[in-house]
Amino acid sequence: MRADRKGDQVNALRVVKEPIELIMGDITEIAADAIVNPSNASLVLGSGVSGAIAAKGGPSIQEQMGKIGGCPVGSAVVTGAGTLKARHVIHAVGPQMGEGDEDNKLHNATLASLKKAEELKIGSIVFPAISTGVFGFPVERCAAIMISTALDHFATGSPRSLNRVIFCLWGKESFETFNKALDWLMPQM
């Protein structure tokens, strides 16, 4: 683990184990092909990561989401990124704790996002810890499911445009939890 620096300021903690990268920071500040918004099924930008995307990306993102109308849990849709540094926003609908089959739904939302990235023929995607905010999903389970889903996606051997999956975590505790999961899932590196 090392701190990346821009000038004299520490930007984020960062871990790279190709093709996975972990960053502690603000997902709205990352210049990538796509960032993932942990959305609700109504596709309404709310608080947390969604609120930050709404604030920094401008109203066009919510306008596009409104035209789509909704998205089932475990699925994903794509909009433009407004004024964000990313080119696209992939809105993944994760599970709420207590609704049942949460692990499978989170796996499906992660996989749907990866598939949308491949459909867009892009090289990089940035995920937050989906469903761990107001939806109450445990961070440890989230980290294991999301990282293993990404690794499985790369293990298929199919031709792909996607070559970089970044997990952008808000706060040191979430970052360290994802880092432990990555060490457990990729111990050889």
Protein backbone atom coordinates (compact mmCIF):
# COMPACT_ATOMS: atom_id res chain seq x y z
CA MET A 1 0.00 0.00 0.00
CA ARG A 2 1.31 3.43 -0.82
CA ALA A 3 0.09 7.00 -0.85
CA ASP A 4 -0.07 8.70 -4.22
CA ARG A 5 0.89 12.34 -4.15
CA LYS A 6 -0.02 15.30 -6.31
CA GLY A 7 2.21 18.14 -5.32
CA ASP A 8 2.48 18.03 -1.54
CA GLN A 9 -1.02 16.68 -0.92
CA VAL A 10 -1.82 13.03 -0.35
CA ASN A 11 -4.50 12.06 -2.85
CA ALA A 12 -5.48 8.56 -1.84
CA LEU A 13 -4.23 5.23 -0.67
CA ARG A 14 -3.77 2.90 -3.62
CA VAL A 15 -3.17 -0.80 -4.16
CA VAL A 16 -2.71 -2.37 -7.59
CA LYS A 17 -2.92 -6.09 -8.32
CA GLU A 18 -3.60 -6.25 -12.04
CA PRO A 19 -6.32 -6.03 -13.27
CA ILE A 20 -7.76 -4.84 -9.93
CA GLU A 21 -6.95 -1.51 -8.34
CA LEU A 22 -8.09 -0.14 -4.98
CA ILE A 23 -8.20 3.58 -4.25
CA MET A 24 -9.38 5.45 -1.20
CA GLY A 25 -11.01 8.65 -2.34
CA ASP A 26 -13.87 10.37 -4.11
CA ILE A 27 -15.28 8.37 -7.05
CA THR A 28 -16.51 11.57 -8.72
CA GLU A 29 -12.92 12.80 -9.06
CA ILE A 30 -11.63 9.82 -11.01
CA ALA A 31 -11.07 10.18 -14.74
CA ALA A 32 -12.14 6.78 -16.07
CA ASP A 33 -14.26 5.50 -18.89
CA ALA A 34 -17.13 4.70 -16.51
CA ILE A 35 -18.00 5.04 -12.85
CA VAL A 36 -20.68 2.98 -11.15
CA ASN A 37 -23.49 4.63 -9.24
CA PRO A 38 -25.03 2.40 -6.54
CA SER A 39 -28.61 3.12 -7.53
CA ASN A 40 -32.07 2.31 -6.31
CA ALA A 41 -34.60 0.52 -8.55
CA SER A 42 -36.43 3.81 -9.19
CA LEU A 43 -33.24 5.32 -10.65
CA VAL A 44 -33.46 8.43 -8.49
CA LEU A 45 -30.18 9.97 -7.35
CA GLY A 46 -30.28 10.23 -3.57
CA SER A 47 -27.59 10.57 -0.92
CA GLY A 48 -24.10 9.15 -0.47
CA VAL A 49 -22.33 8.28 -3.74
CA SER A 50 -25.50 9.01 -5.72
CA GLY A 51 -25.76 12.44 -4.15
CA ALA A 52 -22.13 13.21 -4.96
CA ILE A 53 -22.69 12.10 -8.57
CA ALA A 54 -25.78 14.34 -8.78
CA ALA A 55 -23.94 17.32 -7.30
CA LYS A 56 -20.81 17.05 -9.43
CA GLY A 57 -22.30 15.58 -12.60
CA GLY A 58 -25.18 18.01 -13.00
CA PRO A 59 -28.87 17.50 -13.79
CA SER A 60 -28.42 15.73 -17.14
CA ILE A 61 -27.63 12.43 -15.40
CA GLN A 62 -30.92 12.39 -13.47
CA GLU A 63 -32.79 13.51 -16.60
CA GLN A 64 -31.41 10.51 -18.50
CA MET A 65 -32.21 8.19 -15.59
CA GLY A 66 -35.77 9.53 -15.54
CA LYS A 67 -36.19 8.67 -19.22
CA ILE A 68 -35.09 5.09 -18.52
CA GLY A 69 -37.61 4.95 -15.67
CA GLY A 70 -36.43 2.05 -13.53
CA CYS A 71 -34.12 -0.91 -13.22
CA PRO A 72 -34.57 -4.23 -11.38
CA VAL A 73 -32.35 -5.19 -8.45
CA GLY A 74 -29.26 -6.99 -9.74
CA SER A 75 -29.27 -5.13 -13.06
CA ALA A 76 -27.60 -2.03 -14.47
CA VAL A 77 -28.27 0.77 -16.98
CA VAL A 78 -26.02 3.41 -18.54
CA THR A 79 -26.24 7.18 -18.88
CA GLY A 80 -23.84 9.91 -19.84
CA ALA A 81 -21.68 11.41 -17.09
CA GLY A 82 -22.67 15.06 -17.33
CA THR A 83 -19.80 17.18 -16.06
CA LEU A 84 -17.98 14.33 -14.26
CA LYS A 85 -14.46 13.32 -15.29
CA ALA A 86 -15.80 9.92 -16.40
CA ARG A 87 -17.41 9.37 -19.81
CA HIS A 88 -20.30 7.17 -18.63
CA VAL A 89 -22.19 6.38 -15.45
CA ILE A 90 -23.34 2.79 -15.01
CA HIS A 91 -26.21 2.68 -12.53
CA ALA A 92 -26.14 -0.67 -10.70
CA VAL A 93 -29.07 -1.58 -8.49
CA GLY A 94 -27.79 -3.48 -5.49
CA PRO A 95 -29.77 -5.24 -2.77
CA GLN A 96 -31.12 -3.88 0.47
CA MET A 97 -30.32 -6.04 3.48
CA GLY A 98 -33.29 -8.08 4.54
CA GLU A 99 -34.91 -8.40 1.10
CA GLY A 100 -33.53 -11.90 0.55
CA ASP A 101 -30.91 -13.41 -1.77
CA GLU A 102 -28.71 -10.35 -1.22
CA ASP A 103 -25.37 -11.98 -2.08
CA ASN A 104 -26.61 -13.22 -5.44
CA LYS A 105 -28.22 -9.85 -6.20
CA LEU A 106 -24.96 -8.01 -5.46
CA HIS A 107 -23.04 -10.47 -7.65
CA ASN A 108 -25.57 -9.87 -10.46
CA ALA A 109 -25.39 -6.07 -10.12
CA THR A 110 -21.58 -6.20 -10.30
CA LEU A 111 -21.61 -8.57 -13.26
CA ALA A 112 -24.27 -6.49 -15.06
CA SER A 113 -22.03 -3.43 -14.66
CA LEU A 114 -19.03 -5.28 -16.08
CA LYS A 115 -21.13 -6.46 -19.02
CA LYS A 116 -22.35 -2.89 -19.68
CA ALA A 117 -18.71 -1.77 -19.71
CA GLU A 118 -17.90 -4.46 -22.28
CA GLU A 119 -20.91 -3.42 -24.40
CA LEU A 120 -19.58 0.15 -24.36
CA LYS A 121 -16.15 -1.22 -25.42
CA ILE A 122 -14.37 0.75 -22.72
CA GLY A 123 -11.14 0.02 -20.87
CA SER A 124 -11.79 1.10 -17.28
CA ILE A 125 -14.61 1.00 -14.75
CA VAL A 126 -14.71 2.36 -11.20
CA PHE A 127 -16.93 0.77 -8.53
CA PRO A 128 -17.88 2.01 -5.07
CA ALA A 129 -18.81 -0.51 -2.37
CA ILE A 130 -22.34 -1.14 -3.70
CA SER A 131 -25.19 -1.37 -1.16
CA THR A 132 -22.97 -0.74 1.90
CA GLY A 133 -24.43 2.68 2.66
CA VAL A 134 -28.12 3.18 3.37
CA PHE A 135 -28.90 -0.31 1.99
CA GLY A 136 -26.97 -1.80 4.95
CA PHE A 137 -24.94 -4.51 3.18
CA PRO A 138 -21.89 -5.61 5.24
CA VAL A 139 -18.64 -4.24 3.76
CA GLU A 140 -16.75 -7.53 4.26
CA ARG A 141 -19.31 -9.52 2.24
CA CYS A 142 -19.49 -6.77 -0.37
CA ALA A 143 -15.72 -6.77 -0.87
CA ALA A 144 -15.52 -10.55 -1.29
CA ILE A 145 -18.45 -10.68 -3.72
CA MET A 146 -17.48 -7.70 -5.86
CA ILE A 147 -13.77 -8.55 -6.14
CA SER A 148 -14.41 -12.23 -6.88
CA THR A 149 -17.01 -11.27 -9.52
CA ALA A 150 -14.49 -8.99 -11.22
CA LEU A 151 -11.76 -11.64 -11.10
CA ASP A 152 -14.14 -14.27 -12.51
CA HIS A 153 -15.00 -11.87 -15.33
CA PHE A 154 -11.34 -11.68 -16.34
CA ALA A 155 -10.83 -15.43 -15.91
CA THR A 156 -13.31 -16.36 -18.66
CA GLY A 157 -10.69 -15.86 -21.36
CA SER A 158 -13.19 -14.15 -23.66
CA PRO A 159 -11.93 -11.20 -25.71
CA ARG A 160 -12.69 -7.96 -23.89
CA SER A 161 -12.09 -4.26 -24.01
CA LEU A 162 -12.14 -3.88 -20.21
CA ASN A 163 -8.64 -4.11 -18.77
CA ARG A 164 -8.91 -2.24 -15.47
CA VAL A 165 -11.40 -2.52 -12.60
CA ILE A 166 -10.98 0.08 -9.89
CA PHE A 167 -12.70 -0.04 -6.52
CA CYS A 168 -12.89 3.47 -5.09
CA LEU A 169 -13.59 3.29 -1.38
CA TRP A 170 -14.73 6.12 0.84
CA GLY A 171 -12.86 5.96 4.12
CA LYS A 172 -9.93 4.02 5.46
CA GLU A 173 -12.02 1.24 7.03
CA SER A 174 -13.71 0.31 3.73
CA PHE A 175 -10.38 0.59 1.91
CA GLU A 176 -8.66 -1.74 4.37
CA THR A 177 -11.56 -4.22 4.20
CA PHE A 178 -11.35 -4.37 0.40
CA ASN A 179 -7.55 -4.64 0.61
CA LYS A 180 -7.84 -7.67 2.95
CA ALA A 181 -10.35 -9.29 0.57
CA LEU A 182 -8.05 -8.65 -2.38
CA ASP A 183 -5.10 -10.20 -0.48
CA TRP A 184 -7.23 -13.23 0.34
CA LEU A 185 -8.51 -13.64 -3.24
CA MET A 186 -5.14 -12.88 -4.93
CA PRO A 187 -2.54 -14.09 -2.37
CA GLN A 188 0.21 -14.73 -4.93
CA MET A 189 0.78 -11.05 -5.65
